């Protein structure tokens, strides 16, 4: 049994927004409006996580560029270490081509 509490939400959509959601259900991509909304929320959560990771990477590069690091690794080694850590955390990092 799932111990996560459930919150019931009521959402009203009109016009193009309602039509778009209805099309998603009609094309059998989703079985219900609730399923579609849950998928949107999950994707939004992933997007926020990806944003946080990207911001961390940007800050890391800025630190490296300004000399604020103590590791004796090369830029490539630092990058590879970061990629490995992200993969271990479950982020889908593509292989370089």
PDB file of N, CA and C in Angstrom:
ATOM      1  N   UNK A   1       0.845  -1.192   0.000  1.00  0.00           N
ATOM      2  CA  UNK A   1       0.000   0.000   0.000  1.00  0.00           C
ATOM      3  C   UNK A   1       0.879   1.240   0.000  1.00  0.00           C
ATOM      4  N   UNK A   2       0.538   2.206  -0.840  1.00  0.00           N
ATOM      5  CA  UNK A   2       1.311   3.439  -0.963  1.00  0.00           C
ATOM      6  C   UNK A   2       1.015   4.352   0.218  1.00  0.00           C
ATOM      7  N   UNK A   3       2.069   4.755   0.951  1.00  0.00           N
ATOM      8  CA  UNK A   3       1.902   5.609   2.122  1.00  0.00           C
ATOM      9  C   UNK A   3       1.887   7.091   1.761  1.00  0.00           C
ATOM     10  N   UNK A   4       2.066   7.408   0.486  1.00  0.00           N
ATOM     11  CA  UNK A   4       2.077   8.801   0.058  1.00  0.00           C
ATOM     12  C   UNK A   4       0.659   9.360   0.114  1.00  0.00           C
ATOM     13  N   UNK A   5       0.472  10.484   0.812  1.00  0.00           N
ATOM     14  CA  UNK A   5      -0.875  11.057   0.867  1.00  0.00           C
ATOM     15  C   UNK A   5      -1.308  11.570  -0.507  1.00  0.00           C
ATOM     16  N   UNK A   6      -2.581  11.451  -0.775  1.00  0.00           N
ATOM     17  CA  UNK A   6      -3.120  11.897  -2.059  1.00  0.00           C
ATOM     18  C   UNK A   6      -3.773  13.258  -1.890  1.00  0.00           C
ATOM     19  N   UNK A   7      -3.517  14.127  -2.834  1.00  0.00           N
ATOM     20  CA  UNK A   7      -4.153  15.439  -2.853  1.00  0.00           C
ATOM     21  C   UNK A   7      -5.043  15.520  -4.078  1.00  0.00           C
ATOM     22  N   UNK A   8      -6.280  15.862  -3.882  1.00  0.00           N
ATOM     23  CA  UNK A   8      -7.205  16.002  -5.009  1.00  0.00           C
ATOM     24  C   UNK A   8      -7.162  17.449  -5.486  1.00  0.00           C
ATOM     25  N   UNK A   9      -6.951  17.611  -6.784  1.00  0.00           N
ATOM     26  CA  UNK A   9      -6.914  18.936  -7.389  1.00  0.00           C
ATOM     27  C   UNK A   9      -8.069  19.062  -8.375  1.00  0.00           C
ATOM     28  N   UNK A  10      -8.598  20.237  -8.479  1.00  0.00           N
ATOM     29  CA  UNK A  10      -9.637  20.511  -9.461  1.00  0.00           C
ATOM     30  C   UNK A  10      -9.114  21.612 -10.380  1.00  0.00           C
ATOM     31  N   UNK A  11      -9.084  21.322 -11.666  1.00  0.00           N
ATOM     32  CA  UNK A  11      -8.542  22.274 -12.633  1.00  0.00           C
ATOM     33  C   UNK A  11      -9.593  22.516 -13.712  1.00  0.00           C
ATOM     34  N   UNK A  12      -9.798  23.766 -14.049  1.00  0.00           N
ATOM     35  CA  UNK A  12     -10.720  24.121 -15.138  1.00  0.00           C
ATOM     36  C   UNK A  12      -9.898  24.717 -16.281  1.00  0.00           C
ATOM     37  N   UNK A  13     -10.116  24.171 -17.465  1.00  0.00           N
ATOM     38  CA  UNK A  13      -9.445  24.675 -18.658  1.00  0.00           C
ATOM     39  C   UNK A  13     -10.498  25.076 -19.681  1.00  0.00           C
ATOM     40  N   UNK A  14     -10.213  26.129 -20.435  1.00  0.00           N
ATOM     41  CA  UNK A  14     -11.130  26.577 -21.483  1.00  0.00           C
ATOM     42  C   UNK A  14     -10.369  26.711 -22.798  1.00  0.00           C
ATOM     43  N   UNK A  15     -11.118  26.761 -23.852  1.00  0.00           N
ATOM     44  CA  UNK A  15     -10.578  27.073 -25.165  1.00  0.00           C
ATOM     45  C   UNK A  15      -9.460  26.159 -25.618  1.00  0.00           C
ATOM     46  N   UNK A  16      -8.382  26.755 -26.138  1.00  0.00           N
ATOM     47  CA  UNK A  16      -7.284  25.970 -26.709  1.00  0.00           C
ATOM     48  C   UNK A  16      -6.626  25.023 -25.698  1.00  0.00           C
ATOM     49  N   UNK A  17      -6.564  25.421 -24.439  1.00  0.00           N
ATOM     50  CA  UNK A  17      -5.951  24.539 -23.438  1.00  0.00           C
ATOM     51  C   UNK A  17      -6.780  23.271 -23.261  1.00  0.00           C
ATOM     52  N   UNK A  18      -8.088  23.435 -23.116  1.00  0.00           N
ATOM     53  CA  UNK A  18      -8.967  22.277 -22.957  1.00  0.00           C
ATOM     54  C   UNK A  18      -8.939  21.406 -24.208  1.00  0.00           C
ATOM     55  N   UNK A  19      -8.955  22.030 -25.370  1.00  0.00           N
ATOM     56  CA  UNK A  19      -8.929  21.281 -26.630  1.00  0.00           C
ATOM     57  C   UNK A  19      -7.642  20.469 -26.758  1.00  0.00           C
ATOM     58  N   UNK A  20      -6.535  21.055 -26.359  1.00  0.00           N
ATOM     59  CA  UNK A  20      -5.251  20.347 -26.437  1.00  0.00           C
ATOM     60  C   UNK A  20      -5.259  19.113 -25.541  1.00  0.00           C
ATOM     61  N   UNK A  21      -5.706  19.274 -24.307  1.00  0.00           N
ATOM     62  CA  UNK A  21      -5.745  18.138 -23.384  1.00  0.00           C
ATOM     63  C   UNK A  21      -6.689  17.068 -23.921  1.00  0.00           C
ATOM     64  N   UNK A  22      -7.841  17.463 -24.419  1.00  0.00           N
ATOM     65  CA  UNK A  22      -8.789  16.492 -24.978  1.00  0.00           C
ATOM     66  C   UNK A  22      -8.176  15.724 -26.144  1.00  0.00           C
ATOM     67  N   UNK A  23      -7.408  16.402 -27.002  1.00  0.00           N
ATOM     68  CA  UNK A  23      -6.743  15.715 -28.126  1.00  0.00           C
ATOM     69  C   UNK A  23      -5.768  14.662 -27.623  1.00  0.00           C
ATOM     70  N   UNK A  24      -5.075  14.958 -26.539  1.00  0.00           N
ATOM     71  CA  UNK A  24      -4.122  13.989 -26.002  1.00  0.00           C
ATOM     72  C   UNK A  24      -4.847  12.721 -25.551  1.00  0.00           C
ATOM     73  N   UNK A  25      -6.022  12.883 -24.989  1.00  0.00           N
ATOM     74  CA  UNK A  25      -6.810  11.737 -24.536  1.00  0.00           C
ATOM     75  C   UNK A  25      -7.400  10.997 -25.744  1.00  0.00           C
ATOM     76  N   UNK A  26      -7.930  11.735 -26.699  1.00  0.00           N
ATOM     77  CA  UNK A  26      -8.567  11.140 -27.882  1.00  0.00           C
ATOM     78  C   UNK A  26      -7.584  10.339 -28.727  1.00  0.00           C
ATOM     79  N   UNK A  27      -6.338  10.765 -28.782  1.00  0.00           N
ATOM     80  CA  UNK A  27      -5.349  10.059 -29.607  1.00  0.00           C
ATOM     81  C   UNK A  27      -4.754   8.863 -28.880  1.00  0.00           C
ATOM     82  N   UNK A  28      -5.290   8.553 -27.708  1.00  0.00           N
ATOM     83  CA  UNK A  28      -4.894   7.385 -26.917  1.00  0.00           C
ATOM     84  C   UNK A  28      -3.476   7.478 -26.371  1.00  0.00           C
ATOM     85  N   UNK A  29      -2.920   8.687 -26.361  1.00  0.00           N
ATOM     86  CA  UNK A  29      -1.622   8.835 -25.714  1.00  0.00           C
ATOM     87  C   UNK A  29      -1.776   8.697 -24.201  1.00  0.00           C
ATOM     88  N   UNK A  30      -2.935   9.097 -23.711  1.00  0.00           N
ATOM     89  CA  UNK A  30      -3.238   9.019 -22.281  1.00  0.00           C
ATOM     90  C   UNK A  30      -4.643   8.458 -22.123  1.00  0.00           C
ATOM     91  N   UNK A  31      -4.868   7.765 -21.022  1.00  0.00           N
ATOM     92  CA  UNK A  31      -6.180   7.175 -20.783  1.00  0.00           C
ATOM     93  C   UNK A  31      -7.144   8.133 -20.102  1.00  0.00           C
ATOM     94  N   UNK A  32      -6.609   9.143 -19.426  1.00  0.00           N
ATOM     95  CA  UNK A  32      -7.483  10.066 -18.706  1.00  0.00           C
ATOM     96  C   UNK A  32      -6.815  11.432 -18.590  1.00  0.00           C
ATOM     97  N   UNK A  33      -7.626  12.417 -18.239  1.00  0.00           N
ATOM     98  CA  UNK A  33      -7.091  13.753 -18.006  1.00  0.00           C
ATOM     99  C   UNK A  33      -6.090  13.727 -16.851  1.00  0.00           C
ATOM    100  N   UNK A  34      -6.395  12.957 -15.825  1.00  0.00           N
ATOM    101  CA  UNK A  34      -5.505  12.869 -14.658  1.00  0.00           C
ATOM    102  C   UNK A  34      -4.144  12.312 -15.040  1.00  0.00           C
ATOM    103  N   UNK A  35      -4.153  11.278 -15.884  1.00  0.00           N
ATOM    104  CA  UNK A  35      -2.886  10.683 -16.317  1.00  0.00           C
ATOM    105  C   UNK A  35      -2.043  11.710 -17.073  1.00  0.00           C
ATOM    106  N   UNK A  36      -2.690  12.496 -17.920  1.00  0.00           N
ATOM    107  CA  UNK A  36      -1.979  13.521 -18.679  1.00  0.00           C
ATOM    108  C   UNK A  36      -1.376  14.571 -17.746  1.00  0.00           C
ATOM    109  N   UNK A  37      -2.148  15.040 -16.782  1.00  0.00           N
ATOM    110  CA  UNK A  37      -1.660  16.048 -15.837  1.00  0.00           C
ATOM    111  C   UNK A  37      -0.502  15.491 -15.014  1.00  0.00           C
ATOM    112  N   UNK A  38      -0.614  14.243 -14.549  1.00  0.00           N
ATOM    113  CA  UNK A  38       0.485  13.632 -13.783  1.00  0.00           C
ATOM    114  C   UNK A  38       1.762  13.584 -14.614  1.00  0.00           C
ATOM    115  N   UNK A  39       1.626  13.234 -15.907  1.00  0.00           N
ATOM    116  CA  UNK A  39       2.797  13.182 -16.777  1.00  0.00           C
ATOM    117  C   UNK A  39       3.419  14.567 -16.939  1.00  0.00           C
ATOM    118  N   UNK A  40       2.591  15.591 -17.088  1.00  0.00           N
ATOM    119  CA  UNK A  40       3.113  16.959 -17.191  1.00  0.00           C
ATOM    120  C   UNK A  40       3.890  17.356 -15.943  1.00  0.00           C
ATOM    121  N   UNK A  41       3.355  17.025 -14.782  1.00  0.00           N
ATOM    122  CA  UNK A  41       4.032  17.368 -13.526  1.00  0.00           C
ATOM    123  C   UNK A  41       5.356  16.626 -13.426  1.00  0.00           C
ATOM    124  N   UNK A  42       5.372  15.339 -13.784  1.00  0.00           N
ATOM    125  CA  UNK A  42       6.633  14.574 -13.738  1.00  0.00           C
ATOM    126  C   UNK A  42       7.686  15.187 -14.663  1.00  0.00           C
ATOM    127  N   UNK A  43       7.261  15.546 -15.882  1.00  0.00           N
ATOM    128  CA  UNK A  43       8.213  16.153 -16.818  1.00  0.00           C
ATOM    129  C   UNK A  43       8.710  17.500 -16.310  1.00  0.00           C
ATOM    130  N   UNK A  44       7.846  18.257 -15.670  1.00  0.00           N
ATOM    131  CA  UNK A  44       8.248  19.538 -15.095  1.00  0.00           C
ATOM    132  C   UNK A  44       9.267  19.330 -13.980  1.00  0.00           C
ATOM    133  N   UNK A  45       9.064  18.294 -13.165  1.00  0.00           N
ATOM    134  CA  UNK A  45      10.016  17.998 -12.089  1.00  0.00           C
ATOM    135  C   UNK A  45      11.377  17.622 -12.666  1.00  0.00           C
ATOM    136  N   UNK A  46      11.384  16.801 -13.714  1.00  0.00           N
ATOM    137  CA  UNK A  46      12.647  16.430 -14.360  1.00  0.00           C
ATOM    138  C   UNK A  46      13.325  17.650 -14.952  1.00  0.00           C
ATOM    139  N   UNK A  47      12.544  18.516 -15.561  1.00  0.00           N
ATOM    140  CA  UNK A  47      13.094  19.728 -16.149  1.00  0.00           C
ATOM    141  C   UNK A  47      13.757  20.600 -15.084  1.00  0.00           C
ATOM    142  N   UNK A  48      13.131  20.707 -13.920  1.00  0.00           N
ATOM    143  CA  UNK A  48      13.707  21.500 -12.825  1.00  0.00           C
ATOM    144  C   UNK A  48      15.011  20.877 -12.347  1.00  0.00           C
ATOM    145  N   UNK A  49      15.051  19.539 -12.247  1.00  0.00           N
ATOM    146  CA  UNK A  49      16.287  18.857 -11.848  1.00  0.00           C
ATOM    147  C   UNK A  49      17.388  19.103 -12.868  1.00  0.00           C
ATOM    148  N   UNK A  50      17.050  18.995 -14.151  1.00  0.00           N
ATOM    149  CA  UNK A  50      18.036  19.227 -15.203  1.00  0.00           C
ATOM    150  C   UNK A  50      18.556  20.657 -15.148  1.00  0.00           C
ATOM    151  N   UNK A  51      17.678  21.609 -14.881  1.00  0.00           N
ATOM    152  CA  UNK A  51      18.087  23.012 -14.763  1.00  0.00           C
ATOM    153  C   UNK A  51      19.095  23.166 -13.623  1.00  0.00           C
ATOM    154  N   UNK A  52      18.802  22.554 -12.470  1.00  0.00           N
ATOM    155  CA  UNK A  52      19.712  22.641 -11.331  1.00  0.00           C
ATOM    156  C   UNK A  52      21.081  22.051 -11.666  1.00  0.00           C
ATOM    157  N   UNK A  53      21.075  20.921 -12.373  1.00  0.00           N
ATOM    158  CA  UNK A  53      22.342  20.289 -12.759  1.00  0.00           C
ATOM    159  C   UNK A  53      23.108  21.199 -13.709  1.00  0.00           C
ATOM    160  N   UNK A  54      22.423  21.747 -14.690  1.00  0.00           N
ATOM    161  CA  UNK A  54      23.087  22.642 -15.647  1.00  0.00           C
ATOM    162  C   UNK A  54      23.653  23.876 -14.947  1.00  0.00           C
ATOM    163  N   UNK A  55      22.905  24.435 -13.998  1.00  0.00           N
ATOM    164  CA  UNK A  55      23.400  25.595 -13.257  1.00  0.00           C
ATOM    165  C   UNK A  55      24.660  25.226 -12.476  1.00  0.00           C
ATOM    166  N   UNK A  56      24.663  24.048 -11.878  1.00  0.00           N
ATOM    167  CA  UNK A  56      25.846  23.597 -11.155  1.00  0.00           C
ATOM    168  C   UNK A  56      27.048  23.447 -12.070  1.00  0.00           C
ATOM    169  N   UNK A  57      26.804  22.930 -13.261  1.00  0.00           N
ATOM    170  CA  UNK A  57      27.887  22.777 -14.238  1.00  0.00           C
ATOM    171  C   UNK A  57      28.410  24.142 -14.660  1.00  0.00           C
ATOM    172  N   UNK A  58      27.506  25.074 -14.928  1.00  0.00           N
ATOM    173  CA  UNK A  58      27.916  26.425 -15.320  1.00  0.00           C
ATOM    174  C   UNK A  58      28.741  27.069 -14.213  1.00  0.00           C
ATOM    175  N   UNK A  59      28.286  26.934 -12.970  1.00  0.00           N
ATOM    176  CA  UNK A  59      29.038  27.492 -11.843  1.00  0.00           C
ATOM    177  C   UNK A  59      30.406  26.822 -11.719  1.00  0.00           C
ATOM    178  N   UNK A  60      30.439  25.516 -11.948  1.00  0.00           N
ATOM    179  CA  UNK A  60      31.706  24.799 -11.886  1.00  0.00           C
ATOM    180  C   UNK A  60      32.690  25.276 -12.937  1.00  0.00           C
ATOM    181  N   UNK A  61      32.199  25.458 -14.162  1.00  0.00           N
ATOM    182  CA  UNK A  61      33.069  25.974 -15.216  1.00  0.00           C
ATOM    183  C   UNK A  61      33.565  27.376 -14.883  1.00  0.00           C
ATOM    184  N   UNK A  62      32.697  28.195 -14.310  1.00  0.00           N
ATOM    185  CA  UNK A  62      33.110  29.549 -13.920  1.00  0.00           C
ATOM    186  C   UNK A  62      34.202  29.479 -12.855  1.00  0.00           C
ATOM    187  N   UNK A  63      34.060  28.559 -11.899  1.00  0.00           N
ATOM    188  CA  UNK A  63      35.093  28.382 -10.875  1.00  0.00           C
ATOM    189  C   UNK A  63      36.417  27.959 -11.501  1.00  0.00           C
ATOM    190  N   UNK A  64      36.342  27.013 -12.426  1.00  0.00           N
ATOM    191  CA  UNK A  64      37.562  26.539 -13.090  1.00  0.00           C
ATOM    192  C   UNK A  64      38.215  27.677 -13.867  1.00  0.00           C
ATOM    193  N   UNK A  65      37.395  28.419 -14.624  1.00  0.00           N
ATOM    194  CA  UNK A  65      37.926  29.510 -15.446  1.00  0.00           C
ATOM    195  C   UNK A  65      38.594  30.585 -14.603  1.00  0.00           C
ATOM    196  N   UNK A  66      38.102  30.802 -13.392  1.00  0.00           N
ATOM    197  CA  UNK A  66      38.683  31.845 -12.539  1.00  0.00           C
ATOM    198  C   UNK A  66      39.749  31.290 -11.593  1.00  0.00           C
ATOM    199  N   UNK A  67      40.049  29.994 -11.730  1.00  0.00           N
ATOM    200  CA  UNK A  67      41.104  29.408 -10.908  1.00  0.00           C
ATOM    201  C   UNK A  67      40.657  28.993  -9.517  1.00  0.00           C
ATOM    202  N   UNK A  68      39.344  28.953  -9.256  1.00  0.00           N
ATOM    203  CA  UNK A  68      38.846  28.572  -7.936  1.00  0.00           C
ATOM    204  C   UNK A  68      38.619  27.066  -7.844  1.00  0.00           C
ATOM    205  N   UNK A  69      39.693  26.321  -7.887  1.00  0.00           N
ATOM    206  CA  UNK A  69      39.607  24.888  -7.626  1.00  0.00           C
ATOM    207  C   UNK A  69      40.973  24.422  -7.150  1.00  0.00           C
ATOM    208  N   UNK A  70      40.976  23.348  -6.384  1.00  0.00           N
ATOM    209  CA  UNK A  70      42.230  22.875  -5.800  1.00  0.00           C
ATOM    210  C   UNK A  70      42.676  21.541  -6.365  1.00  0.00           C
ATOM    211  N   UNK A  71      41.832  20.918  -7.176  1.00  0.00           N
ATOM    212  CA  UNK A  71      42.168  19.620  -7.722  1.00  0.00           C
ATOM    213  C   UNK A  71      43.241  19.772  -8.795  1.00  0.00           C
ATOM    214  N   UNK A  72      44.129  18.808  -8.879  1.00  0.00           N
ATOM    215  CA  UNK A  72      45.193  18.869  -9.879  1.00  0.00           C
ATOM    216  C   UNK A  72      44.798  18.144 -11.166  1.00  0.00           C
ATOM    217  N   UNK A  73      43.517  17.854 -11.324  1.00  0.00           N
ATOM    218  CA  UNK A  73      43.050  17.180 -12.528  1.00  0.00           C
ATOM    219  C   UNK A  73      42.917  18.172 -13.680  1.00  0.00           C
ATOM    220  N   UNK A  74      42.982  17.644 -14.892  1.00  0.00           N
ATOM    221  CA  UNK A  74      42.772  18.488 -16.071  1.00  0.00           C
ATOM    222  C   UNK A  74      41.284  18.809 -16.206  1.00  0.00           C
ATOM    223  N   UNK A  75      40.978  19.783 -17.049  1.00  0.00           N
ATOM    224  CA  UNK A  75      39.582  20.124 -17.300  1.00  0.00           C
ATOM    225  C   UNK A  75      38.806  18.905 -17.798  1.00  0.00           C
ATOM    226  N   UNK A  76      39.429  18.120 -18.670  1.00  0.00           N
ATOM    227  CA  UNK A  76      38.775  16.935 -19.215  1.00  0.00           C
ATOM    228  C   UNK A  76      38.499  15.904 -18.129  1.00  0.00           C
ATOM    229  N   UNK A  77      39.454  15.710 -17.220  1.00  0.00           N
ATOM    230  CA  UNK A  77      39.261  14.748 -16.136  1.00  0.00           C
ATOM    231  C   UNK A  77      38.155  15.204 -15.179  1.00  0.00           C
ATOM    232  N   UNK A  78      38.108  16.490 -14.896  1.00  0.00           N
ATOM    233  CA  UNK A  78      37.055  17.030 -14.029  1.00  0.00           C
ATOM    234  C   UNK A  78      35.697  16.825 -14.693  1.00  0.00           C
ATOM    235  N   UNK A  79      35.615  17.116 -15.982  1.00  0.00           N
ATOM    236  CA  UNK A  79      34.368  16.944 -16.717  1.00  0.00           C
ATOM    237  C   UNK A  79      33.948  15.481 -16.704  1.00  0.00           C
ATOM    238  N   UNK A  80      34.886  14.577 -16.973  1.00  0.00           N
ATOM    239  CA  UNK A  80      34.572  13.149 -16.996  1.00  0.00           C
ATOM    240  C   UNK A  80      34.094  12.676 -15.627  1.00  0.00           C
ATOM    241  N   UNK A  81      34.711  13.163 -14.574  1.00  0.00           N
ATOM    242  CA  UNK A  81      34.297  12.798 -13.214  1.00  0.00           C
ATOM    243  C   UNK A  81      32.864  13.275 -12.958  1.00  0.00           C
ATOM    244  N   UNK A  82      32.552  14.482 -13.393  1.00  0.00           N
ATOM    245  CA  UNK A  82      31.194  15.016 -13.216  1.00  0.00           C
ATOM    246  C   UNK A  82      30.178  14.181 -13.986  1.00  0.00           C
ATOM    247  N   UNK A  83      30.514  13.808 -15.218  1.00  0.00           N
ATOM    248  CA  UNK A  83      29.621  12.981 -16.030  1.00  0.00           C
ATOM    249  C   UNK A  83      29.381  11.641 -15.348  1.00  0.00           C
ATOM    250  N   UNK A  84      30.427  11.022 -14.832  1.00  0.00           N
ATOM    251  CA  UNK A  84      30.290   9.736 -14.150  1.00  0.00           C
ATOM    252  C   UNK A  84      29.404   9.857 -12.915  1.00  0.00           C
ATOM    253  N   UNK A  85      29.582  10.921 -12.140  1.00  0.00           N
ATOM    254  CA  UNK A  85      28.758  11.119 -10.945  1.00  0.00           C
ATOM    255  C   UNK A  85      27.295  11.329 -11.316  1.00  0.00           C
ATOM    256  N   UNK A  86      27.041  12.079 -12.381  1.00  0.00           N
ATOM    257  CA  UNK A  86      25.663  12.290 -12.819  1.00  0.00           C
ATOM    258  C   UNK A  86      25.029  10.984 -13.277  1.00  0.00           C
ATOM    259  N   UNK A  87      25.775  10.165 -13.994  1.00  0.00           N
ATOM    260  CA  UNK A  87      25.251   8.860 -14.432  1.00  0.00           C
ATOM    261  C   UNK A  87      24.925   7.985 -13.229  1.00  0.00           C
ATOM    262  N   UNK A  88      25.816   7.992 -12.223  1.00  0.00           N
ATOM    263  CA  UNK A  88      25.572   7.203 -11.015  1.00  0.00           C
ATOM    264  C   UNK A  88      24.303   7.654 -10.302  1.00  0.00           C
ATOM    265  N   UNK A  89      23.980   8.936 -10.410  1.00  0.00           N
ATOM    266  CA  UNK A  89      22.763   9.471  -9.790  1.00  0.00           C
ATOM    267  C   UNK A  89      21.531   9.221 -10.654  1.00  0.00           C
ATOM    268  N   UNK A  90      21.734   8.615 -11.822  1.00  0.00           N
ATOM    269  CA  UNK A  90      20.603   8.250 -12.667  1.00  0.00           C
ATOM    270  C   UNK A  90      20.250   9.218 -13.769  1.00  0.00           C
ATOM    271  N   UNK A  91      21.077  10.235 -13.983  1.00  0.00           N
ATOM    272  CA  UNK A  91      20.787  11.175 -15.061  1.00  0.00           C
ATOM    273  C   UNK A  91      21.171  10.543 -16.393  1.00  0.00           C
ATOM    274  N   UNK A  92      20.312  10.668 -17.414  1.00  0.00           N
ATOM    275  CA  UNK A  92      20.593  10.050 -18.715  1.00  0.00           C
ATOM    276  C   UNK A  92      21.582  10.883 -19.524  1.00  0.00           C
ATOM    277  N   UNK A  93      22.849  10.654 -19.315  1.00  0.00           N
ATOM    278  CA  UNK A  93      23.905  11.388 -20.013  1.00  0.00           C
ATOM    279  C   UNK A  93      24.289  10.601 -21.262  1.00  0.00           C
ATOM    280  N   UNK A  94      24.214  11.258 -22.413  1.00  0.00           N
ATOM    281  CA  UNK A  94      24.565  10.597 -23.671  1.00  0.00           C
ATOM    282  C   UNK A  94      26.078  10.497 -23.827  1.00  0.00           C
ATOM    283  N   UNK A  95      26.500   9.461 -24.538  1.00  0.00           N
ATOM    284  CA  UNK A  95      27.909   9.306 -24.879  1.00  0.00           C
ATOM    285  C   UNK A  95      28.262  10.333 -25.940  1.00  0.00           C
ATOM    286  N   UNK A  96      29.489  10.835 -25.907  1.00  0.00           N
ATOM    287  CA  UNK A  96      29.931  11.774 -26.937  1.00  0.00           C
ATOM    288  C   UNK A  96      30.113  11.029 -28.243  1.00  0.00           C
ATOM    289  N   UNK A  97      29.792  11.722 -29.328  1.00  0.00           N
ATOM    290  CA  UNK A  97      29.912  11.093 -30.657  1.00  0.00           C
ATOM    291  C   UNK A  97      31.254  11.355 -31.252  1.00  0.00           C
TER     292      UNK A  97
END
